[in-house]
Amino acid sequence: MLDVRKWAFGVFLALAFSSKALAWGAIAVAGAANAEADGVTYGVSAGKSTPDAAKFDAAGQCQKKGAGRCQVVVTFQGCGAFAVAPYRGGAGSGPDRSTAERAAMQRCGSMCKLVTSTCE
């Protein structure tokens, strides 16, 4: 019986502390406050080991698309999303994609369009 408990505890630790369980993601956006939904340049990062690594990668992905100045709008463990309407945007996060998207849409307000969502 003791061996089964050791095995179960080992499986629990492996799942709880796997790199996926501790991964971070981020979304960075350029010109969100002044753009239409179709004109937003953004970068997405997922699966990073720290929040700073996720932010750096998302901003870099955004800048690679030709954006001059990219701002990180959300950092997350789980899922993140960004929505935009003319002259405003909203970001959200949550344990699953639908929760993150709903949070982004609520923060953005009326007449918003979902630009991106991702899960790590």
PDB file of N, CA and C in Angstrom:
ATOM      1  N   MET A   1       0.820  -1.192   0.000  1.00  0.00           N
ATOM      2  CA  MET A   1       0.000   0.000   0.000  1.00  0.00           C
ATOM      3  C   MET A   1       0.862   1.251   0.000  1.00  0.00           C
ATOM      4  N   LEU A   2       1.978   1.209   0.664  1.00  0.00           N
ATOM      5  CA  LEU A   2       2.859   2.359   0.747  1.00  0.00           C
ATOM      6  C   LEU A   2       3.397   2.743  -0.628  1.00  0.00           C
ATOM      7  N   ASP A   3       3.702   1.769  -1.466  1.00  0.00           N
ATOM      8  CA  ASP A   3       4.212   2.046  -2.797  1.00  0.00           C
ATOM      9  C   ASP A   3       3.184   2.784  -3.659  1.00  0.00           C
ATOM     10  N   VAL A   4       1.921   2.432  -3.519  1.00  0.00           N
ATOM     11  CA  VAL A   4       0.860   3.084  -4.277  1.00  0.00           C
ATOM     12  C   VAL A   4       0.748   4.553  -3.857  1.00  0.00           C
ATOM     13  N   ARG A   5       0.850   4.820  -2.573  1.00  0.00           N
ATOM     14  CA  ARG A   5       0.781   6.200  -2.091  1.00  0.00           C
ATOM     15  C   ARG A   5       1.971   7.014  -2.590  1.00  0.00           C
ATOM     16  N   LYS A   6       3.144   6.429  -2.580  1.00  0.00           N
ATOM     17  CA  LYS A   6       4.332   7.126  -3.092  1.00  0.00           C
ATOM     18  C   LYS A   6       4.162   7.425  -4.580  1.00  0.00           C
ATOM     19  N   TRP A   7       3.669   6.445  -5.309  1.00  0.00           N
ATOM     20  CA  TRP A   7       3.453   6.639  -6.747  1.00  0.00           C
ATOM     21  C   TRP A   7       2.438   7.753  -6.988  1.00  0.00           C
ATOM     22  N   ALA A   8       1.314   7.727  -6.270  1.00  0.00           N
ATOM     23  CA  ALA A   8       0.275   8.742  -6.436  1.00  0.00           C
ATOM     24  C   ALA A   8       0.808  10.122  -6.080  1.00  0.00           C
ATOM     25  N   PHE A   9       1.584  10.225  -5.027  1.00  0.00           N
ATOM     26  CA  PHE A   9       2.168  11.503  -4.638  1.00  0.00           C
ATOM     27  C   PHE A   9       3.140  11.991  -5.707  1.00  0.00           C
ATOM     28  N   GLY A  10       3.918  11.096  -6.270  1.00  0.00           N
ATOM     29  CA  GLY A  10       4.846  11.459  -7.345  1.00  0.00           C
ATOM     30  C   GLY A  10       4.119  11.968  -8.581  1.00  0.00           C
ATOM     31  N   VAL A  11       3.027  11.313  -8.943  1.00  0.00           N
ATOM     32  CA  VAL A  11       2.217  11.760 -10.079  1.00  0.00           C
ATOM     33  C   VAL A  11       1.627  13.139  -9.788  1.00  0.00           C
ATOM     34  N   PHE A  12       1.124  13.331  -8.587  1.00  0.00           N
ATOM     35  CA  PHE A  12       0.573  14.635  -8.198  1.00  0.00           C
ATOM     36  C   PHE A  12       1.629  15.727  -8.341  1.00  0.00           C
ATOM     37  N   LEU A  13       2.822  15.495  -7.824  1.00  0.00           N
ATOM     38  CA  LEU A  13       3.882  16.498  -7.914  1.00  0.00           C
ATOM     39  C   LEU A  13       4.272  16.773  -9.359  1.00  0.00           C
ATOM     40  N   ALA A  14       4.353  15.741 -10.151  1.00  0.00           N
ATOM     41  CA  ALA A  14       4.724  15.919 -11.558  1.00  0.00           C
ATOM     42  C   ALA A  14       3.699  16.770 -12.292  1.00  0.00           C
ATOM     43  N   LEU A  15       2.432  16.545 -12.034  1.00  0.00           N
ATOM     44  CA  LEU A  15       1.385  17.333 -12.688  1.00  0.00           C
ATOM     45  C   LEU A  15       1.318  18.750 -12.139  1.00  0.00           C
ATOM     46  N   ALA A  16       1.444  18.886 -10.840  1.00  0.00           N
ATOM     47  CA  ALA A  16       1.311  20.211 -10.212  1.00  0.00           C
ATOM     48  C   ALA A  16       2.459  21.132 -10.563  1.00  0.00           C
ATOM     49  N   PHE A  17       3.643  20.581 -10.737  1.00  0.00           N
ATOM     50  CA  PHE A  17       4.811  21.424 -10.972  1.00  0.00           C
ATOM     51  C   PHE A  17       5.413  21.249 -12.346  1.00  0.00           C
ATOM     52  N   SER A  18       4.638  20.776 -13.279  1.00  0.00           N
ATOM     53  CA  SER A  18       5.127  20.661 -14.644  1.00  0.00           C
ATOM     54  C   SER A  18       5.307  22.057 -15.224  1.00  0.00           C
ATOM     55  N   SER A  19       6.154  22.213 -16.219  1.00  0.00           N
ATOM     56  CA  SER A  19       6.410  23.531 -16.813  1.00  0.00           C
ATOM     57  C   SER A  19       5.142  24.120 -17.405  1.00  0.00           C
ATOM     58  N   LYS A  20       4.242  23.296 -17.895  1.00  0.00           N
ATOM     59  CA  LYS A  20       2.989  23.791 -18.457  1.00  0.00           C
ATOM     60  C   LYS A  20       2.126  24.435 -17.366  1.00  0.00           C
ATOM     61  N   ALA A  21       2.111  23.850 -16.181  1.00  0.00           N
ATOM     62  CA  ALA A  21       1.299  24.385 -15.099  1.00  0.00           C
ATOM     63  C   ALA A  21       1.815  25.737 -14.636  1.00  0.00           C
ATOM     64  N   LEU A  22       3.086  26.001 -14.816  1.00  0.00           N
ATOM     65  CA  LEU A  22       3.681  27.244 -14.354  1.00  0.00           C
ATOM     66  C   LEU A  22       3.926  28.230 -15.489  1.00  0.00           C
ATOM     67  N   ALA A  23       3.463  27.935 -16.673  1.00  0.00           N
ATOM     68  CA  ALA A  23       3.752  28.771 -17.840  1.00  0.00           C
ATOM     69  C   ALA A  23       2.985  30.091 -17.804  1.00  0.00           C
ATOM     70  N   TRP A  24       3.582  31.093 -18.430  1.00  0.00           N
ATOM     71  CA  TRP A  24       3.003  32.437 -18.518  1.00  0.00           C
ATOM     72  C   TRP A  24       2.807  32.825 -19.973  1.00  0.00           C
ATOM     73  N   GLY A  25       1.842  33.687 -20.203  1.00  0.00           N
ATOM     74  CA  GLY A  25       1.598  34.243 -21.529  1.00  0.00           C
ATOM     75  C   GLY A  25       1.324  35.727 -21.421  1.00  0.00           C
ATOM     76  N   ALA A  26       1.353  36.407 -22.569  1.00  0.00           N
ATOM     77  CA  ALA A  26       1.077  37.846 -22.599  1.00  0.00           C
ATOM     78  C   ALA A  26       0.592  38.237 -23.992  1.00  0.00           C
ATOM     79  N   ILE A  27      -0.113  39.370 -24.044  1.00  0.00           N
ATOM     80  CA  ILE A  27      -0.528  39.973 -25.309  1.00  0.00           C
ATOM     81  C   ILE A  27      -0.072  41.425 -25.288  1.00  0.00           C
ATOM     82  N   ALA A  28       0.614  41.841 -26.346  1.00  0.00           N
ATOM     83  CA  ALA A  28       1.057  43.225 -26.497  1.00  0.00           C
ATOM     84  C   ALA A  28       0.392  43.806 -27.736  1.00  0.00           C
ATOM     85  N   VAL A  29       0.040  45.081 -27.666  1.00  0.00           N
ATOM     86  CA  VAL A  29      -0.727  45.736 -28.726  1.00  0.00           C
ATOM     87  C   VAL A  29      -0.112  47.092 -29.041  1.00  0.00           C
ATOM     88  N   ALA A  30      -0.173  47.468 -30.308  1.00  0.00           N
ATOM     89  CA  ALA A  30       0.261  48.807 -30.736  1.00  0.00           C
ATOM     90  C   ALA A  30      -0.949  49.604 -31.193  1.00  0.00           C
ATOM     91  N   GLY A  31      -1.091  50.797 -30.697  1.00  0.00           N
ATOM     92  CA  GLY A  31      -2.141  51.692 -31.172  1.00  0.00           C
ATOM     93  C   GLY A  31      -3.548  51.258 -30.857  1.00  0.00           C
ATOM     94  N   ALA A  32      -3.766  50.524 -29.787  1.00  0.00           N
ATOM     95  CA  ALA A  32      -5.102  50.006 -29.482  1.00  0.00           C
ATOM     96  C   ALA A  32      -6.113  51.110 -29.240  1.00  0.00           C
ATOM     97  N   ALA A  33      -5.697  52.182 -28.618  1.00  0.00           N
ATOM     98  CA  ALA A  33      -6.647  53.245 -28.275  1.00  0.00           C
ATOM     99  C   ALA A  33      -7.065  54.072 -29.482  1.00  0.00           C
ATOM    100  N   ASN A  34      -6.331  53.979 -30.579  1.00  0.00           N
ATOM    101  CA  ASN A  34      -6.610  54.821 -31.741  1.00  0.00           C
ATOM    102  C   ASN A  34      -6.951  54.042 -32.999  1.00  0.00           C
ATOM    103  N   ALA A  35      -7.212  52.756 -32.872  1.00  0.00           N
ATOM    104  CA  ALA A  35      -7.348  51.922 -34.065  1.00  0.00           C
ATOM    105  C   ALA A  35      -8.697  51.239 -34.143  1.00  0.00           C
ATOM    106  N   GLU A  36      -9.083  50.921 -35.355  1.00  0.00           N
ATOM    107  CA  GLU A  36     -10.220  50.041 -35.600  1.00  0.00           C
ATOM    108  C   GLU A  36      -9.756  48.607 -35.335  1.00  0.00           C
ATOM    109  N   ALA A  37     -10.676  47.690 -35.165  1.00  0.00           N
ATOM    110  CA  ALA A  37     -10.325  46.304 -34.866  1.00  0.00           C
ATOM    111  C   ALA A  37      -9.438  45.689 -35.939  1.00  0.00           C
ATOM    112  N   ASP A  38      -9.691  46.004 -37.195  1.00  0.00           N
ATOM    113  CA  ASP A  38      -8.902  45.401 -38.265  1.00  0.00           C
ATOM    114  C   ASP A  38      -7.519  46.021 -38.387  1.00  0.00           C
ATOM    115  N   GLY A  39      -7.284  47.153 -37.745  1.00  0.00           N
ATOM    116  CA  GLY A  39      -6.003  47.836 -37.869  1.00  0.00           C
ATOM    117  C   GLY A  39      -5.083  47.676 -36.686  1.00  0.00           C
ATOM    118  N   VAL A  40      -5.387  46.784 -35.768  1.00  0.00           N
ATOM    119  CA  VAL A  40      -4.565  46.612 -34.573  1.00  0.00           C
ATOM    120  C   VAL A  40      -3.417  45.662 -34.858  1.00  0.00           C
ATOM    121  N   THR A  41      -2.210  46.098 -34.507  1.00  0.00           N
ATOM    122  CA  THR A  41      -1.045  45.222 -34.586  1.00  0.00           C
ATOM    123  C   THR A  41      -0.787  44.676 -33.193  1.00  0.00           C
ATOM    124  N   TYR A  42      -0.601  43.379 -33.094  1.00  0.00           N
ATOM    125  CA  TYR A  42      -0.424  42.769 -31.782  1.00  0.00           C
ATOM    126  C   TYR A  42       0.566  41.617 -31.841  1.00  0.00           C
ATOM    127  N   GLY A  43       1.055  41.240 -30.682  1.00  0.00           N
ATOM    128  CA  GLY A  43       1.933  40.086 -30.532  1.00  0.00           C
ATOM    129  C   GLY A  43       1.450  39.237 -29.378  1.00  0.00           C
ATOM    130  N   VAL A  44       1.578  37.935 -29.511  1.00  0.00           N
ATOM    131  CA  VAL A  44       1.105  36.992 -28.506  1.00  0.00           C
ATOM    132  C   VAL A  44       2.265  36.095 -28.083  1.00  0.00           C
ATOM    133  N   SER A  45       2.341  35.837 -26.810  1.00  0.00           N
ATOM    134  CA  SER A  45       3.356  34.950 -26.270  1.00  0.00           C
ATOM    135  C   SER A  45       2.688  33.948 -25.337  1.00  0.00           C
ATOM    136  N   ALA A  46       3.152  32.728 -25.321  1.00  0.00           N
ATOM    137  CA  ALA A  46       2.617  31.705 -24.406  1.00  0.00           C
ATOM    138  C   ALA A  46       3.723  30.712 -24.066  1.00  0.00           C
ATOM    139  N   GLY A  47       3.554  30.046 -22.938  1.00  0.00           N
ATOM    140  CA  GLY A  47       4.480  28.992 -22.543  1.00  0.00           C
ATOM    141  C   GLY A  47       5.804  29.480 -22.001  1.00  0.00           C
ATOM    142  N   LYS A  48       5.871  30.701 -21.516  1.00  0.00           N
ATOM    143  CA  LYS A  48       7.121  31.246 -20.978  1.00  0.00           C
ATOM    144  C   LYS A  48       7.238  30.942 -19.491  1.00  0.00           C
ATOM    145  N   SER A  49       8.460  30.924 -18.989  1.00  0.00           N
ATOM    146  CA  SER A  49       8.690  30.525 -17.597  1.00  0.00           C
ATOM    147  C   SER A  49       8.446  31.643 -16.587  1.00  0.00           C
ATOM    148  N   THR A  50       8.437  32.900 -17.026  1.00  0.00           N
ATOM    149  CA  THR A  50       8.204  34.021 -16.113  1.00  0.00           C
ATOM    150  C   THR A  50       7.287  35.047 -16.774  1.00  0.00           C
ATOM    151  N   PRO A  51       6.636  35.902 -15.980  1.00  0.00           N
ATOM    152  CA  PRO A  51       5.823  36.969 -16.563  1.00  0.00           C
ATOM    153  C   PRO A  51       6.659  37.923 -17.420  1.00  0.00           C
ATOM    154  N   ASP A  52       7.864  38.241 -16.953  1.00  0.00           N
ATOM    155  CA  ASP A  52       8.721  39.147 -17.718  1.00  0.00           C
ATOM    156  C   ASP A  52       9.118  38.564 -19.072  1.00  0.00           C
ATOM    157  N   ALA A  53       9.398  37.268 -19.102  1.00  0.00           N
ATOM    158  CA  ALA A  53       9.741  36.621 -20.371  1.00  0.00           C
ATOM    159  C   ALA A  53       8.555  36.659 -21.330  1.00  0.00           C
ATOM    160  N   ALA A  54       7.355  36.451 -20.810  1.00  0.00           N
ATOM    161  CA  ALA A  54       6.154  36.493 -21.644  1.00  0.00           C
ATOM    162  C   ALA A  54       5.927  37.897 -22.189  1.00  0.00           C
ATOM    163  N   LYS A  55       6.080  38.914 -21.343  1.00  0.00           N
ATOM    164  CA  LYS A  55       5.911  40.307 -21.772  1.00  0.00           C
ATOM    165  C   LYS A  55       6.929  40.675 -22.851  1.00  0.00           C
ATOM    166  N   PHE A  56       8.184  40.324 -22.624  1.00  0.00           N
ATOM    167  CA  PHE A  56       9.253  40.639 -23.572  1.00  0.00           C
ATOM    168  C   PHE A  56       8.977  39.990 -24.923  1.00  0.00           C
ATOM    169  N   ASP A  57       8.578  38.730 -24.908  1.00  0.00           N
ATOM    170  CA  ASP A  57       8.310  38.010 -26.151  1.00  0.00           C
ATOM    171  C   ASP A  57       7.099  38.587 -26.887  1.00  0.00           C
ATOM    172  N   ALA A  58       6.023  38.889 -26.167  1.00  0.00           N
ATOM    173  CA  ALA A  58       4.820  39.450 -26.802  1.00  0.00           C
ATOM    174  C   ALA A  58       5.133  40.803 -27.442  1.00  0.00           C
ATOM    175  N   ALA A  59       5.864  41.650 -26.730  1.00  0.00           N
ATOM    176  CA  ALA A  59       6.240  42.954 -27.289  1.00  0.00           C
ATOM    177  C   ALA A  59       7.129  42.777 -28.515  1.00  0.00           C
ATOM    178  N   GLY A  60       8.037  41.830 -28.474  1.00  0.00           N
ATOM    179  CA  GLY A  60       8.898  41.545 -29.628  1.00  0.00           C
ATOM    180  C   GLY A  60       8.109  41.042 -30.825  1.00  0.00           C
ATOM    181  N   GLN A  61       7.127  40.165 -30.592  1.00  0.00           N
ATOM    182  CA  GLN A  61       6.283  39.664 -31.674  1.00  0.00           C
ATOM    183  C   GLN A  61       5.488  40.802 -32.309  1.00  0.00           C
ATOM    184  N   CYS A  62       5.013  41.717 -31.488  1.00  0.00           N
ATOM    185  CA  CYS A  62       4.263  42.875 -31.976  1.00  0.00           C
ATOM    186  C   CYS A  62       5.160  43.765 -32.833  1.00  0.00           C
ATOM    187  N   GLN A  63       6.365  44.035 -32.353  1.00  0.00           N
ATOM    188  CA  GLN A  63       7.293  44.906 -33.080  1.00  0.00           C
ATOM    189  C   GLN A  63       7.772  44.276 -34.388  1.00  0.00           C
ATOM    190  N   LYS A  64       7.871  42.956 -34.430  1.00  0.00           N
ATOM    191  CA  LYS A  64       8.270  42.267 -35.665  1.00  0.00           C
ATOM    192  C   LYS A  64       7.259  42.485 -36.788  1.00  0.00           C
ATOM    193  N   LYS A  65       6.028  42.822 -36.421  1.00  0.00           N
ATOM    194  CA  LYS A  65       4.988  43.070 -37.423  1.00  0.00           C
ATOM    195  C   LYS A  65       5.003  44.512 -37.902  1.00  0.00           C
ATOM    196  N   GLY A  66       6.022  45.258 -37.489  1.00  0.00           N
ATOM    197  CA  GLY A  66       6.185  46.621 -37.977  1.00  0.00           C
ATOM    198  C   GLY A  66       5.652  47.703 -37.068  1.00  0.00           C
ATOM    199  N   ALA A  67       5.190  47.340 -35.901  1.00  0.00           N
ATOM    200  CA  ALA A  67       4.670  48.339 -34.970  1.00  0.00           C
ATOM    201  C   ALA A  67       5.827  49.038 -34.275  1.00  0.00           C
ATOM    202  N   GLY A  68       5.701  50.327 -34.108  1.00  0.00           N
ATOM    203  CA  GLY A  68       6.760  51.074 -33.447  1.00  0.00           C
ATOM    204  C   GLY A  68       6.779  50.886 -31.946  1.00  0.00           C
ATOM    205  N   ARG A  69       5.648  51.112 -31.321  1.00  0.00           N
ATOM    206  CA  ARG A  69       5.578  51.054 -29.859  1.00  0.00           C
ATOM    207  C   ARG A  69       4.462  50.108 -29.441  1.00  0.00           C
ATOM    208  N   CYS A  70       4.840  49.026 -28.795  1.00  0.00           N
ATOM    209  CA  CYS A  70       3.874  48.024 -28.367  1.00  0.00           C
ATOM    210  C   CYS A  70       3.770  48.027 -26.849  1.00  0.00           C
ATOM    211  N   GLN A  71       2.550  47.917 -26.371  1.00  0.00           N
ATOM    212  CA  GLN A  71       2.293  47.921 -24.935  1.00  0.00           C
ATOM    213  C   GLN A  71       1.672  46.592 -24.537  1.00  0.00           C
ATOM    214  N   VAL A  72       2.183  45.989 -23.493  1.00  0.00           N
ATOM    215  CA  VAL A  72       1.594  44.752 -22.977  1.00  0.00           C
ATOM    216  C   VAL A  72       0.276  45.107 -22.304  1.00  0.00           C
ATOM    217  N   VAL A  73      -0.800  44.474 -22.758  1.00  0.00           N
ATOM    218  CA  VAL A  73      -2.129  44.775 -22.224  1.00  0.00           C
ATOM    219  C   VAL A  73      -2.624  43.717 -21.242  1.00  0.00           C
ATOM    220  N   VAL A  74      -2.037  42.521 -21.294  1.00  0.00           N
ATOM    221  CA  VAL A  74      -2.430  41.481 -20.344  1.00  0.00           C
ATOM    222  C   VAL A  74      -1.308  40.450 -20.230  1.00  0.00           C
ATOM    223  N   THR A  75      -1.075  40.013 -19.001  1.00  0.00           N
ATOM    224  CA  THR A  75      -0.169  38.902 -18.704  1.00  0.00           C
ATOM    225  C   THR A  75      -1.018  37.865 -17.981  1.00  0.00           C
ATOM    226  N   PHE A  76      -0.806  36.596 -18.301  1.00  0.00           N
ATOM    227  CA  PHE A  76      -1.724  35.582 -17.769  1.00  0.00           C
ATOM    228  C   PHE A  76      -1.070  34.226 -17.578  1.00  0.00           C
ATOM    229  N   GLN A  77      -1.684  33.447 -16.721  1.00  0.00           N
ATOM    230  CA  GLN A  77      -1.470  32.007 -16.612  1.00  0.00           C
ATOM    231  C   GLN A  77      -2.834  31.410 -16.897  1.00  0.00           C
ATOM    232  N   GLY A  78      -2.949  30.667 -17.941  1.00  0.00           N
ATOM    233  CA  GLY A  78      -4.242  30.157 -18.398  1.00  0.00           C
ATOM    234  C   GLY A  78      -4.501  30.699 -19.779  1.00  0.00           C
ATOM    235  N   CYS A  79      -5.414  31.672 -19.883  1.00  0.00           N
ATOM    236  CA  CYS A  79      -5.769  32.254 -21.181  1.00  0.00           C
ATOM    237  C   CYS A  79      -5.844  33.772 -21.096  1.00  0.00           C
ATOM    238  N   GLY A  80      -5.596  34.422 -22.220  1.00  0.00           N
ATOM    239  CA  GLY A  80      -5.704  35.875 -22.316  1.00  0.00           C
ATOM    240  C   GLY A  80      -6.401  36.258 -23.608  1.00  0.00           C
ATOM    241  N   ALA A  81      -7.001  37.452 -23.620  1.00  0.00           N
ATOM    242  CA  ALA A  81      -7.726  37.923 -24.800  1.00  0.00           C
ATOM    243  C   ALA A  81      -7.664  39.441 -24.878  1.00  0.00           C
ATOM    244  N   PHE A  82      -7.871  39.958 -26.100  1.00  0.00           N
ATOM    245  CA  PHE A  82      -7.912  41.404 -26.311  1.00  0.00           C
ATOM    246  C   PHE A  82      -9.015  41.720 -27.318  1.00  0.00           C
ATOM    247  N   ALA A  83      -9.826  42.737 -26.979  1.00  0.00           N
ATOM    248  CA  ALA A  83     -10.904  43.194 -27.849  1.00  0.00           C
ATOM    249  C   ALA A  83     -10.741  44.688 -28.072  1.00  0.00           C
ATOM    250  N   VAL A  84     -11.274  45.182 -29.204  1.00  0.00           N
ATOM    251  CA  VAL A  84     -11.125  46.596 -29.529  1.00  0.00           C
ATOM    252  C   VAL A  84     -12.366  47.125 -30.225  1.00  0.00           C
ATOM    253  N   ALA A  85     -12.617  48.397 -30.012  1.00  0.00           N
ATOM    254  CA  ALA A  85     -13.635  49.178 -30.716  1.00  0.00           C
ATOM    255  C   ALA A  85     -12.943  50.480 -31.104  1.00  0.00           C
ATOM    256  N   PRO A  86     -13.563  51.307 -31.931  1.00  0.00           N
ATOM    257  CA  PRO A  86     -12.903  52.573 -32.258  1.00  0.00           C
ATOM    258  C   PRO A  86     -12.530  53.348 -30.990  1.00  0.00           C
ATOM    259  N   TYR A  87     -11.264  53.632 -30.864  1.00  0.00           N
ATOM    260  CA  TYR A  87     -10.696  54.476 -29.803  1.00  0.00           C
ATOM    261  C   TYR A  87     -10.689  53.876 -28.408  1.00  0.00           C
ATOM    262  N   ARG A  88     -10.853  52.572 -28.296  1.00  0.00           N
ATOM    263  CA  ARG A  88     -10.720  51.929 -26.991  1.00  0.00           C
ATOM    264  C   ARG A  88     -10.483  50.427 -27.164  1.00  0.00           C
ATOM    265  N   GLY A  89      -9.959  49.827 -26.126  1.00  0.00           N
ATOM    266  CA  GLY A  89      -9.722  48.394 -26.135  1.00  0.00           C
ATOM    267  C   GLY A  89      -9.893  47.833 -24.741  1.00  0.00           C
ATOM    268  N   GLY A  90      -9.919  46.520 -24.639  1.00  0.00           N
ATOM    269  CA  GLY A  90     -10.036  45.855 -23.350  1.00  0.00           C
ATOM    270  C   GLY A  90      -9.347  44.511 -23.371  1.00  0.00           C
ATOM    271  N   ALA A  91      -8.655  44.202 -22.303  1.00  0.00           N
ATOM    272  CA  ALA A  91      -7.952  42.931 -22.186  1.00  0.00           C
ATOM    273  C   ALA A  91      -8.535  42.148 -21.023  1.00  0.00           C
ATOM    274  N   GLY A  92      -8.445  40.826 -21.107  1.00  0.00           N
ATOM    275  CA  GLY A  92      -8.934  39.979 -20.035  1.00  0.00           C
ATOM    276  C   GLY A  92      -8.162  38.682 -19.960  1.00  0.00           C
ATOM    277  N   SER A  93      -8.267  38.035 -18.829  1.00  0.00           N
ATOM    278  CA  SER A  93      -7.624  36.734 -18.651  1.00  0.00           C
ATOM    279  C   SER A  93      -8.559  35.842 -17.848  1.00  0.00           C
ATOM    280  N   GLY A  94      -8.260  34.555 -17.859  1.00  0.00           N
ATOM    281  CA  GLY A  94      -9.071  33.602 -17.117  1.00  0.00           C
ATOM    282  C   GLY A  94      -8.544  32.203 -17.275  1.00  0.00           C
ATOM    283  N   PRO A  95      -9.171  31.257 -16.607  1.00  0.00           N
ATOM    284  CA  PRO A  95      -8.703  29.875 -16.648  1.00  0.00           C
ATOM    285  C   PRO A  95      -8.970  29.172 -17.976  1.00  0.00           C
ATOM    286  N   ASP A  96      -9.888  29.725 -18.781  1.00  0.00           N
ATOM    287  CA  ASP A  96     -10.184  29.133 -20.086  1.00  0.00           C
ATOM    288  C   ASP A  96     -10.439  30.256 -21.094  1.00  0.00           C
ATOM    289  N   ARG A  97     -10.456  29.891 -22.371  1.00  0.00           N
ATOM    290  CA  ARG A  97     -10.578  30.882 -23.448  1.00  0.00           C
ATOM    291  C   ARG A  97     -11.874  31.691 -23.352  1.00  0.00           C
ATOM    292  N   SER A  98     -12.986  31.036 -23.082  1.00  0.00           N
ATOM    293  CA  SER A  98     -14.251  31.766 -23.063  1.00  0.00           C
ATOM    294  C   SER A  98     -14.300  32.784 -21.926  1.00  0.00           C
ATOM    295  N   THR A  99     -13.743  32.457 -20.783  1.00  0.00           N
ATOM    296  CA  THR A  99     -13.692  33.405 -19.662  1.00  0.00           C
ATOM    297  C   THR A  99     -12.818  34.606 -19.999  1.00  0.00           C
ATOM    298  N   ALA A 100     -11.673  34.360 -20.613  1.00  0.00           N
ATOM    299  CA  ALA A 100     -10.772  35.449 -20.996  1.00  0.00           C
ATOM    300  C   ALA A 100     -11.424  36.346 -22.049  1.00  0.00           C
ATOM    301  N   GLU A 101     -12.068  35.748 -23.032  1.00  0.00           N
ATOM    302  CA  GLU A 101     -12.726  36.527 -24.086  1.00  0.00           C
ATOM    303  C   GLU A 101     -13.875  37.359 -23.518  1.00  0.00           C
ATOM    304  N   ARG A 102     -14.645  36.767 -22.627  1.00  0.00           N
ATOM    305  CA  ARG A 102     -15.759  37.489 -22.004  1.00  0.00           C
ATOM    306  C   ARG A 102     -15.236  38.682 -21.199  1.00  0.00           C
ATOM    307  N   ALA A 103     -14.151  38.493 -20.456  1.00  0.00           N
ATOM    308  CA  ALA A 103     -13.562  39.577 -19.661  1.00  0.00           C
ATOM    309  C   ALA A 103     -13.061  40.703 -20.560  1.00  0.00           C
ATOM    310  N   ALA A 104     -12.412  40.356 -21.669  1.00  0.00           N
ATOM    311  CA  ALA A 104     -11.919  41.377 -22.599  1.00  0.00           C
ATOM    312  C   ALA A 104     -13.068  42.165 -23.217  1.00  0.00           C
ATOM    313  N   MET A 105     -14.116  41.473 -23.610  1.00  0.00           N
ATOM    314  CA  MET A 105     -15.267  42.149 -24.207  1.00  0.00           C
ATOM    315  C   MET A 105     -15.962  43.059 -23.194  1.00  0.00           C
ATOM    316  N   GLN A 106     -16.076  42.618 -21.955  1.00  0.00           N
ATOM    317  CA  GLN A 106     -16.707  43.443 -20.921  1.00  0.00           C
ATOM    318  C   GLN A 106     -15.879  44.692 -20.634  1.00  0.00           C
ATOM    319  N   ARG A 107     -14.566  44.543 -20.589  1.00  0.00           N
ATOM    320  CA  ARG A 107     -13.700  45.701 -20.315  1.00  0.00           C
ATOM    321  C   ARG A 107     -13.677  46.673 -21.487  1.00  0.00           C
ATOM    322  N   CYS A 108     -13.849  46.167 -22.677  1.00  0.00           N
ATOM    323  CA  CYS A 108     -13.840  47.018 -23.859  1.00  0.00           C
ATOM    324  C   CYS A 108     -15.129  47.833 -23.957  1.00  0.00           C
ATOM    325  N   GLY A 109     -16.237  47.211 -23.688  1.00  0.00           N
ATOM    326  CA  GLY A 109     -17.525  47.906 -23.753  1.00  0.00           C
ATOM    327  C   GLY A 109     -18.316  47.517 -24.989  1.00  0.00           C
ATOM    328  N   SER A 110     -19.228  48.397 -25.385  1.00  0.00           N
ATOM    329  CA  SER A 110     -20.114  48.087 -26.510  1.00  0.00           C
ATOM    330  C   SER A 110     -19.400  48.235 -27.851  1.00  0.00           C
ATOM    331  N   MET A 111     -19.936  47.560 -28.860  1.00  0.00           N
ATOM    332  CA  MET A 111     -19.447  47.645 -30.243  1.00  0.00           C
ATOM    333  C   MET A 111     -18.007  47.135 -30.397  1.00  0.00           C
ATOM    334  N   CYS A 112     -17.571  46.232 -29.545  1.00  0.00           N
ATOM    335  CA  CYS A 112     -16.206  45.727 -29.598  1.00  0.00           C
ATOM    336  C   CYS A 112     -16.107  44.463 -30.439  1.00  0.00           C
ATOM    337  N   LYS A 113     -14.921  44.257 -30.937  1.00  0.00           N
ATOM    338  CA  LYS A 113     -14.621  43.062 -31.731  1.00  0.00           C
ATOM    339  C   LYS A 113     -13.414  42.382 -31.089  1.00  0.00           C
ATOM    340  N   LEU A 114     -13.511  41.065 -30.928  1.00  0.00           N
ATOM    341  CA  LEU A 114     -12.391  40.300 -30.378  1.00  0.00           C
ATOM    342  C   LEU A 114     -11.256  40.291 -31.396  1.00  0.00           C
ATOM    343  N   VAL A 115     -10.073  40.684 -30.972  1.00  0.00           N
ATOM    344  CA  VAL A 115      -8.910  40.733 -31.868  1.00  0.00           C
ATOM    345  C   VAL A 115      -8.122  39.430 -31.774  1.00  0.00           C
ATOM    346  N   THR A 116      -7.874  38.976 -30.556  1.00  0.00           N
ATOM    347  CA  THR A 116      -7.100  37.742 -30.369  1.00  0.00           C
ATOM    348  C   THR A 116      -7.391  37.147 -29.012  1.00  0.00           C
ATOM    349  N   SER A 117      -7.213  35.839 -28.927  1.00  0.00           N
ATOM    350  CA  SER A 117      -7.232  35.155 -27.636  1.00  0.00           C
ATOM    351  C   SER A 117      -6.311  33.956 -27.760  1.00  0.00           C
ATOM    352  N   THR A 118      -5.695  33.600 -26.653  1.00  0.00           N
ATOM    353  CA  THR A 118      -4.765  32.488 -26.662  1.00  0.00           C
ATOM    354  C   THR A 118      -4.706  31.851 -25.275  1.00  0.00           C
ATOM    355  N   CYS A 119      -4.331  30.599 -25.256  1.00  0.00           N
ATOM    356  CA  CYS A 119      -4.129  29.880 -24.007  1.00  0.00           C
ATOM    357  C   CYS A 119      -2.749  29.247 -24.038  1.00  0.00           C
ATOM    358  N   GLU A 120      -2.127  29.207 -22.891  1.00  0.00           N
ATOM    359  CA  GLU A 120      -0.808  28.581 -22.843  1.00  0.00           C
ATOM    360  C   GLU A 120      -0.911  27.192 -22.290  1.00  0.00           C
TER     361      GLU A 120
END
